[in-house]
Amino acid sequence: MWNKRSQATLIYNPQAGPSSMDEAIQQAARFWEHRGWEVTIAPTEYAGHAVRLAREAAEMGQRLVLAAGGDGTLGEVANGLAGTETIMGPLPAGTGNSFGKELRMPRPNLLDQRALVESAALLASGRVQRMDLGRFRGGKYWMLWTGVGIDSFLVEEMEPRSKLSKRLGRVGYAAQALVLAPQFVPMEARVTVDGKLYEDTYLLVLISNCRRYAGGELLLNPTGALDDGQFEVFLFRGAGVTRTATYAWQLWRGEHMHSEDIVVLRGREVIVETARPIPVHTDGDPAGETPFHCIMVPEAVRLLVPRSAPRGLFRQPGLQLR
């Protein structure tokens, strides 16, 4: 039996996705209202606004915050709810939607405006799990990955993108990336994982808290769990366009875990220092420059996980949402 006095906030980013989400958001809100929830719709107005909205909902004692947007919006909501008992319900509605693909949820497009309602239905019959988050020392949390190198260079050059660019989807993003990628200069970096130092020339240093990568298109860590209390750290050694293309091909084919030039580590604390300041990104959004220091925060946020999520994504048993 759904508790008719349960309150929820639906936070959404009006700029997310290739088209307007207003009607889809109303449909998703009505879905939860028909199940006895009182839903407040809260659009974001500026970068970081979702953090504040989520924190306020938690402080008011609301049981559930639904987050509709891309990975950046979901990451902001996770920041606002970290350390609280308020549950986060992801509704993928952005352009890339890496986390939506992680959970195997439908994503809105110009031809299917009911995808958010379909996602809501999957959440309503899902389970509440506790998910690990990464956190910069003394700063923000992040959900999926943080990276420095060619991917953060591309994020710095390309974000934020216009609605027109988003309408072009993956093809437009890939075309821009192909033009910009040769301009990246490989970095000399020192990477310390749980006190052990690795020093080399790298194209990319990627610290992952999930399975998928690059807008969810690549399966980076096939056996990763979102509640195992550790990062997977990928060090892509070397330089040059040829090496970059080789890594892209290996990732696409799922052969990167066996590459002699890619170092794969596990740990709870990572420090990255570079010879020159390099842009950093978290969950596909710019996040300052090197050096940085991040730690694993186990079970930092309560997450409503849809029944579509793959097996093994969580190691601990979940609870039903009642």
Foldseek 3Di string as FASTA:
>chain_A
DDDLAAEEEEEEEQQFFLDGLVVLVVVQCVLVVVVRYHYHYHYDDDQLRLLVVLLVCQVVVHQEYEFEHAQSRLQSNLQNFFPGNRAYEYQYEHQLRQVCLLQVADYDDPVDSNSSVRSSVLLQFFFKDQFKWKAWVVGTTFQWKKKFALLLVLLVVCPPDHSVLSNVGPVSSVVSSVVCSQVTDWWFKWKAFPRDIDTATFRMKMKTQGQADDSNQFGRHVQHARFPQKIKIKTQHDDDPVSVVVCVVCRNVVNVVVDPRIDIDMHFKMWMATPDWTWMDGSSHTDGTDTIIMGMDGSGHIYRRGPSRDPNNHDDDGHNDD
